[in-house]
Amino acid sequence: PADAVVKPGDEVRLVGEVPESLADYDETWLRETTFVVRYVGRDAMVGLQPDLIEDYVIATVPAASVQPL
């Protein structure tokens, strides 16, 4: 959406409570990792991928869970 706070390609960090979709990951790692937005849905959800692409992981989280860098 044109009015989205973040857009595909933006670098973000997780803020607030860890989303359920990322509950299996170490919280310290999640807080220190820079993520890249891969897609933004109309349902206020965003797809994130760790900037360190050692693993092909794309997680869907609420847009309110990320903060642009």
PDB file of N, CA and C in Angstrom:
ATOM      1  N   PRO A   1       0.821  -1.221   0.000  1.00  0.00           N
ATOM      2  CA  PRO A   1       0.000   0.000   0.000  1.00  0.00           C
ATOM      3  C   PRO A   1       0.853   1.269   0.000  1.00  0.00           C
ATOM      4  N   ALA A   2       0.395   2.290  -0.669  1.00  0.00           N
ATOM      5  CA  ALA A   2       1.145   3.536  -0.793  1.00  0.00           C
ATOM      6  C   ALA A   2       1.366   4.218   0.553  1.00  0.00           C
ATOM      7  N   ASP A   3       0.459   4.018   1.512  1.00  0.00           N
ATOM      8  CA  ASP A   3       0.573   4.688   2.806  1.00  0.00           C
ATOM      9  C   ASP A   3       1.303   3.841   3.857  1.00  0.00           C
ATOM     10  N   ALA A   4       1.919   2.754   3.448  1.00  0.00           N
ATOM     11  CA  ALA A   4       2.631   1.877   4.387  1.00  0.00           C
ATOM     12  C   ALA A   4       3.831   2.598   4.991  1.00  0.00           C
ATOM     13  N   VAL A   5       4.073   2.353   6.275  1.00  0.00           N
ATOM     14  CA  VAL A   5       5.198   2.971   6.970  1.00  0.00           C
ATOM     15  C   VAL A   5       6.521   2.413   6.461  1.00  0.00           C
ATOM     16  N   VAL A   6       6.535   1.126   6.153  1.00  0.00           N
ATOM     17  CA  VAL A   6       7.730   0.498   5.587  1.00  0.00           C
ATOM     18  C   VAL A   6       7.391  -0.053   4.214  1.00  0.00           C
ATOM     19  N   LYS A   7       8.393  -0.135   3.364  1.00  0.00           N
ATOM     20  CA  LYS A   7       8.202  -0.614   1.995  1.00  0.00           C
ATOM     21  C   LYS A   7       9.230  -1.716   1.715  1.00  0.00           C
ATOM     22  N   PRO A   8       8.971  -2.566   0.719  1.00  0.00           N
ATOM     23  CA  PRO A   8       9.949  -3.591   0.370  1.00  0.00           C
ATOM     24  C   PRO A   8      11.331  -2.974   0.129  1.00  0.00           C
ATOM     25  N   GLY A   9      12.342  -3.612   0.708  1.00  0.00           N
ATOM     26  CA  GLY A   9      13.710  -3.125   0.600  1.00  0.00           C
ATOM     27  C   GLY A   9      14.170  -2.331   1.807  1.00  0.00           C
ATOM     28  N   ASP A  10      13.231  -1.849   2.624  1.00  0.00           N
ATOM     29  CA  ASP A  10      13.602  -1.100   3.829  1.00  0.00           C
ATOM     30  C   ASP A  10      14.265  -2.014   4.852  1.00  0.00           C
ATOM     31  N   GLU A  11      15.247  -1.480   5.559  1.00  0.00           N
ATOM     32  CA  GLU A  11      15.870  -2.197   6.664  1.00  0.00           C
ATOM     33  C   GLU A  11      15.128  -1.822   7.936  1.00  0.00           C
ATOM     34  N   VAL A  12      14.836  -2.827   8.769  1.00  0.00           N
ATOM     35  CA  VAL A  12      14.069  -2.614   9.993  1.00  0.00           C
ATOM     36  C   VAL A  12      14.649  -3.453  11.125  1.00  0.00           C
ATOM     37  N   ARG A  13      14.233  -3.133  12.331  1.00  0.00           N
ATOM     38  CA  ARG A  13      14.522  -3.927  13.528  1.00  0.00           C
ATOM     39  C   ARG A  13      13.198  -4.266  14.184  1.00  0.00           C
ATOM     40  N   LEU A  14      13.190  -5.366  14.911  1.00  0.00           N
ATOM     41  CA  LEU A  14      11.993  -5.753  15.650  1.00  0.00           C
ATOM     42  C   LEU A  14      11.878  -4.909  16.908  1.00  0.00           C
ATOM     43  N   VAL A  15      10.662  -4.530  17.249  1.00  0.00           N
ATOM     44  CA  VAL A  15      10.378  -3.779  18.469  1.00  0.00           C
ATOM     45  C   VAL A  15       9.191  -4.434  19.169  1.00  0.00           C
ATOM     46  N   GLY A  16       9.053  -4.169  20.441  1.00  0.00           N
ATOM     47  CA  GLY A  16       7.919  -4.696  21.190  1.00  0.00           C
ATOM     48  C   GLY A  16       8.027  -6.194  21.411  1.00  0.00           C
ATOM     49  N   GLU A  17       6.889  -6.803  21.617  1.00  0.00           N
ATOM     50  CA  GLU A  17       6.821  -8.238  21.869  1.00  0.00           C
ATOM     51  C   GLU A  17       7.232  -9.035  20.634  1.00  0.00           C
ATOM     52  N   VAL A  18       7.949 -10.126  20.850  1.00  0.00           N
ATOM     53  CA  VAL A  18       8.375 -10.967  19.731  1.00  0.00           C
ATOM     54  C   VAL A  18       7.140 -11.625  19.120  1.00  0.00           C
ATOM     55  N   PRO A  19       6.933 -11.461  17.816  1.00  0.00           N
ATOM     56  CA  PRO A  19       5.767 -12.062  17.163  1.00  0.00           C
ATOM     57  C   PRO A  19       5.798 -13.595  17.277  1.00  0.00           C
ATOM     58  N   GLU A  20       4.649 -14.196  17.329  1.00  0.00           N
ATOM     59  CA  GLU A  20       4.536 -15.651  17.451  1.00  0.00           C
ATOM     60  C   GLU A  20       5.261 -16.379  16.330  1.00  0.00           C
ATOM     61  N   SER A  21       5.288 -15.794  15.151  1.00  0.00           N
ATOM     62  CA  SER A  21       5.941 -16.433  14.007  1.00  0.00           C
ATOM     63  C   SER A  21       7.451 -16.559  14.196  1.00  0.00           C
ATOM     64  N   LEU A  22       8.015 -15.827  15.149  1.00  0.00           N
ATOM     65  CA  LEU A  22       9.453 -15.876  15.402  1.00  0.00           C
ATOM     66  C   LEU A  22       9.785 -16.434  16.789  1.00  0.00           C
ATOM     67  N   ALA A  23       8.823 -17.033  17.429  1.00  0.00           N
ATOM     68  CA  ALA A  23       8.995 -17.516  18.804  1.00  0.00           C
ATOM     69  C   ALA A  23      10.077 -18.582  18.940  1.00  0.00           C
ATOM     70  N   ASP A  24      10.405 -19.306  17.881  1.00  0.00           N
ATOM     71  CA  ASP A  24      11.416 -20.357  17.946  1.00  0.00           C
ATOM     72  C   ASP A  24      12.847 -19.818  17.877  1.00  0.00           C
ATOM     73  N   TYR A  25      13.006 -18.534  17.623  1.00  0.00           N
ATOM     74  CA  TYR A  25      14.336 -17.934  17.484  1.00  0.00           C
ATOM     75  C   TYR A  25      14.774 -17.284  18.790  1.00  0.00           C
ATOM     76  N   ASP A  26      16.079 -17.185  18.975  1.00  0.00           N
ATOM     77  CA  ASP A  26      16.653 -16.555  20.149  1.00  0.00           C
ATOM     78  C   ASP A  26      16.298 -15.065  20.157  1.00  0.00           C
ATOM     79  N   GLU A  27      15.731 -14.599  21.259  1.00  0.00           N
ATOM     80  CA  GLU A  27      15.277 -13.212  21.311  1.00  0.00           C
ATOM     81  C   GLU A  27      16.433 -12.217  21.181  1.00  0.00           C
ATOM     82  N   THR A  28      17.563 -12.524  21.778  1.00  0.00           N
ATOM     83  CA  THR A  28      18.721 -11.633  21.658  1.00  0.00           C
ATOM     84  C   THR A  28      19.128 -11.493  20.198  1.00  0.00           C
ATOM     85  N   TRP A  29      19.176 -12.615  19.480  1.00  0.00           N
ATOM     86  CA  TRP A  29      19.523 -12.584  18.053  1.00  0.00           C
ATOM     87  C   TRP A  29      18.510 -11.749  17.281  1.00  0.00           C
ATOM     88  N   LEU A  30      17.223 -11.929  17.586  1.00  0.00           N
ATOM     89  CA  LEU A  30      16.184 -11.173  16.882  1.00  0.00           C
ATOM     90  C   LEU A  30      16.336  -9.672  17.104  1.00  0.00           C
ATOM     91  N   ARG A  31      16.679  -9.273  18.310  1.00  0.00           N
ATOM     92  CA  ARG A  31      16.810  -7.845  18.639  1.00  0.00           C
ATOM     93  C   ARG A  31      18.050  -7.219  18.002  1.00  0.00           C
ATOM     94  N   GLU A  32      19.087  -8.017  17.788  1.00  0.00           N
ATOM     95  CA  GLU A  32      20.329  -7.487  17.237  1.00  0.00           C
ATOM     96  C   GLU A  32      20.406  -7.563  15.712  1.00  0.00           C
ATOM     97  N   THR A  33      19.490  -8.296  15.111  1.00  0.00           N
ATOM     98  CA  THR A  33      19.530  -8.532  13.665  1.00  0.00           C
ATOM     99  C   THR A  33      18.795  -7.441  12.901  1.00  0.00           C
ATOM    100  N   THR A  34      19.401  -7.026  11.795  1.00  0.00           N
ATOM    101  CA  THR A  34      18.730  -6.124  10.866  1.00  0.00           C
ATOM    102  C   THR A  34      17.967  -6.988   9.872  1.00  0.00           C
ATOM    103  N   PHE A  35      16.702  -6.673   9.671  1.00  0.00           N
ATOM    104  CA  PHE A  35      15.862  -7.398   8.729  1.00  0.00           C
ATOM    105  C   PHE A  35      15.580  -6.514   7.524  1.00  0.00           C
ATOM    106  N   VAL A  36      15.305  -7.136   6.393  1.00  0.00           N
ATOM    107  CA  VAL A  36      14.921  -6.424   5.180  1.00  0.00           C
ATOM    108  C   VAL A  36      13.471  -6.786   4.887  1.00  0.00           C
ATOM    109  N   VAL A  37      12.658  -5.765   4.637  1.00  0.00           N
ATOM    110  CA  VAL A  37      11.251  -5.992   4.299  1.00  0.00           C
ATOM    111  C   VAL A  37      11.196  -6.547   2.883  1.00  0.00           C
ATOM    112  N   ARG A  38      10.561  -7.691   2.705  1.00  0.00           N
ATOM    113  CA  ARG A  38      10.433  -8.314   1.382  1.00  0.00           C
ATOM    114  C   ARG A  38       9.069  -8.046   0.762  1.00  0.00           C
ATOM    115  N   TYR A  39       8.028  -7.936   1.590  1.00  0.00           N
ATOM    116  CA  TYR A  39       6.719  -7.554   1.060  1.00  0.00           C
ATOM    117  C   TYR A  39       5.891  -6.931   2.172  1.00  0.00           C
ATOM    118  N   VAL A  40       4.915  -6.131   1.774  1.00  0.00           N
ATOM    119  CA  VAL A  40       3.999  -5.482   2.705  1.00  0.00           C
ATOM    120  C   VAL A  40       2.591  -5.837   2.257  1.00  0.00           C
ATOM    121  N   GLY A  41       1.828  -6.461   3.152  1.00  0.00           N
ATOM    122  CA  GLY A  41       0.461  -6.849   2.829  1.00  0.00           C
ATOM    123  C   GLY A  41      -0.534  -5.772   3.198  1.00  0.00           C
ATOM    124  N   ARG A  42      -1.687  -5.843   2.607  1.00  0.00           N
ATOM    125  CA  ARG A  42      -2.758  -4.894   2.925  1.00  0.00           C
ATOM    126  C   ARG A  42      -3.370  -5.168   4.294  1.00  0.00           C
ATOM    127  N   ASP A  43      -3.023  -6.311   4.886  1.00  0.00           N
ATOM    128  CA  ASP A  43      -3.562  -6.701   6.181  1.00  0.00           C
ATOM    129  C   ASP A  43      -2.657  -6.284   7.341  1.00  0.00           C
ATOM    130  N   ALA A  44      -1.824  -5.268   7.139  1.00  0.00           N
ATOM    131  CA  ALA A  44      -0.900  -4.749   8.150  1.00  0.00           C
ATOM    132  C   ALA A  44       0.126  -5.786   8.575  1.00  0.00           C
ATOM    133  N   MET A  45       0.503  -6.667   7.657  1.00  0.00           N
ATOM    134  CA  MET A  45       1.543  -7.658   7.907  1.00  0.00           C
ATOM    135  C   MET A  45       2.681  -7.411   6.923  1.00  0.00           C
ATOM    136  N   VAL A  46       3.903  -7.678   7.375  1.00  0.00           N
ATOM    137  CA  VAL A  46       5.064  -7.524   6.511  1.00  0.00           C
ATOM    138  C   VAL A  46       5.872  -8.808   6.510  1.00  0.00           C
ATOM    139  N   GLY A  47       6.542  -9.077   5.400  1.00  0.00           N
ATOM    140  CA  GLY A  47       7.432 -10.222   5.294  1.00  0.00           C
ATOM    141  C   GLY A  47       8.847  -9.743   5.484  1.00  0.00           C
ATOM    142  N   LEU A  48       9.571 -10.369   6.409  1.00  0.00           N
ATOM    143  CA  LEU A  48      10.931  -9.964   6.739  1.00  0.00           C
ATOM    144  C   LEU A  48      11.910 -11.073   6.440  1.00  0.00           C
ATOM    145  N   GLN A  49      13.115 -10.685   6.074  1.00  0.00           N
ATOM    146  CA  GLN A  49      14.203 -11.643   5.898  1.00  0.00           C
ATOM    147  C   GLN A  49      15.418 -11.070   6.612  1.00  0.00           C
ATOM    148  N   PRO A  50      16.139 -11.899   7.373  1.00  0.00           N
ATOM    149  CA  PRO A  50      17.344 -11.389   8.023  1.00  0.00           C
ATOM    150  C   PRO A  50      18.312 -10.852   6.982  1.00  0.00           C
ATOM    151  N   ASP A  51      18.991  -9.762   7.322  1.00  0.00           N
ATOM    152  CA  ASP A  51      19.979  -9.172   6.423  1.00  0.00           C
ATOM    153  C   ASP A  51      21.123 -10.151   6.173  1.00  0.00           C
ATOM    154  N   LEU A  52      21.451 -10.940   7.173  1.00  0.00           N
ATOM    155  CA  LEU A  52      22.472 -11.977   7.008  1.00  0.00           C
ATOM    156  C   LEU A  52      21.783 -13.177   6.390  1.00  0.00           C
ATOM    157  N   ILE A  53      21.885 -13.330   5.111  1.00  0.00           N
ATOM    158  CA  ILE A  53      21.112 -14.352   4.416  1.00  0.00           C
ATOM    159  C   ILE A  53      21.854 -15.680   4.431  1.00  0.00           C
ATOM    160  N   GLU A  54      22.123 -16.174   5.638  1.00  0.00           N
ATOM    161  CA  GLU A  54      22.742 -17.481   5.789  1.00  0.00           C
ATOM    162  C   GLU A  54      21.689 -18.575   5.639  1.00  0.00           C
ATOM    163  N   ASP A  55      20.471 -18.224   5.870  1.00  0.00           N
ATOM    164  CA  ASP A  55      19.362 -19.159   5.856  1.00  0.00           C
ATOM    165  C   ASP A  55      18.215 -18.475   5.119  1.00  0.00           C
ATOM    166  N   TYR A  56      17.506 -19.214   4.306  1.00  0.00           N
ATOM    167  CA  TYR A  56      16.398 -18.607   3.575  1.00  0.00           C
ATOM    168  C   TYR A  56      15.168 -18.606   4.470  1.00  0.00           C
ATOM    169  N   VAL A  57      15.054 -17.573   5.262  1.00  0.00           N
ATOM    170  CA  VAL A  57      13.954 -17.441   6.203  1.00  0.00           C
ATOM    171  C   VAL A  57      13.222 -16.150   5.880  1.00  0.00           C
ATOM    172  N   ILE A  58      11.943 -16.270   5.633  1.00  0.00           N
ATOM    173  CA  ILE A  58      11.100 -15.080   5.531  1.00  0.00           C
ATOM    174  C   ILE A  58       9.977 -15.285   6.525  1.00  0.00           C
ATOM    175  N   ALA A  59       9.856 -14.365   7.472  1.00  0.00           N
ATOM    176  CA  ALA A  59       8.831 -14.449   8.503  1.00  0.00           C
ATOM    177  C   ALA A  59       7.808 -13.351   8.276  1.00  0.00           C
ATOM    178  N   THR A  60       6.562 -13.654   8.541  1.00  0.00           N
ATOM    179  CA  THR A  60       5.493 -12.667   8.442  1.00  0.00           C
ATOM    180  C   THR A  60       5.166 -12.189   9.849  1.00  0.00           C
ATOM    181  N   VAL A  61       5.225 -10.869  10.039  1.00  0.00           N
ATOM    182  CA  VAL A  61       4.981 -10.280  11.348  1.00  0.00           C
ATOM    183  C   VAL A  61       4.070  -9.066  11.187  1.00  0.00           C
ATOM    184  N   PRO A  62       3.405  -8.651  12.269  1.00  0.00           N
ATOM    185  CA  PRO A  62       2.605  -7.417  12.196  1.00  0.00           C
ATOM    186  C   PRO A  62       3.504  -6.220  11.908  1.00  0.00           C
ATOM    187  N   ALA A  63       3.027  -5.311  11.116  1.00  0.00           N
ATOM    188  CA  ALA A  63       3.802  -4.116  10.765  1.00  0.00           C
ATOM    189  C   ALA A  63       4.165  -3.312  12.013  1.00  0.00           C
ATOM    190  N   ALA A  64       3.353  -3.379  13.050  1.00  0.00           N
ATOM    191  CA  ALA A  64       3.634  -2.658  14.285  1.00  0.00           C
ATOM    192  C   ALA A  64       4.831  -3.236  15.033  1.00  0.00           C
ATOM    193  N   SER A  65       5.294  -4.411  14.628  1.00  0.00           N
ATOM    194  CA  SER A  65       6.431  -5.061  15.288  1.00  0.00           C
ATOM    195  C   SER A  65       7.771  -4.628  14.736  1.00  0.00           C
ATOM    196  N   VAL A  66       7.783  -3.759  13.743  1.00  0.00           N
ATOM    197  CA  VAL A  66       9.049  -3.337  13.153  1.00  0.00           C
ATOM    198  C   VAL A  66       9.200  -1.834  13.194  1.00  0.00           C
ATOM    199  N   GLN A  67      10.460  -1.411  13.200  1.00  0.00           N
ATOM    200  CA  GLN A  67      10.784   0.019  13.201  1.00  0.00           C
ATOM    201  C   GLN A  67      11.844   0.246  12.132  1.00  0.00           C
ATOM    202  N   PRO A  68      11.599   1.199  11.222  1.00  0.00           N
ATOM    203  CA  PRO A  68      12.601   1.486  10.185  1.00  0.00           C
ATOM    204  C   PRO A  68      13.903   1.980  10.810  1.00  0.00           C
ATOM    205  N   LEU A  69      15.010   1.647  10.156  1.00  0.00           N
ATOM    206  CA  LEU A  69      16.326   2.122  10.623  1.00  0.00           C
ATOM    207  C   LEU A  69      16.635   3.461  10.031  1.00  0.00           C
TER     208      LEU A  69
END
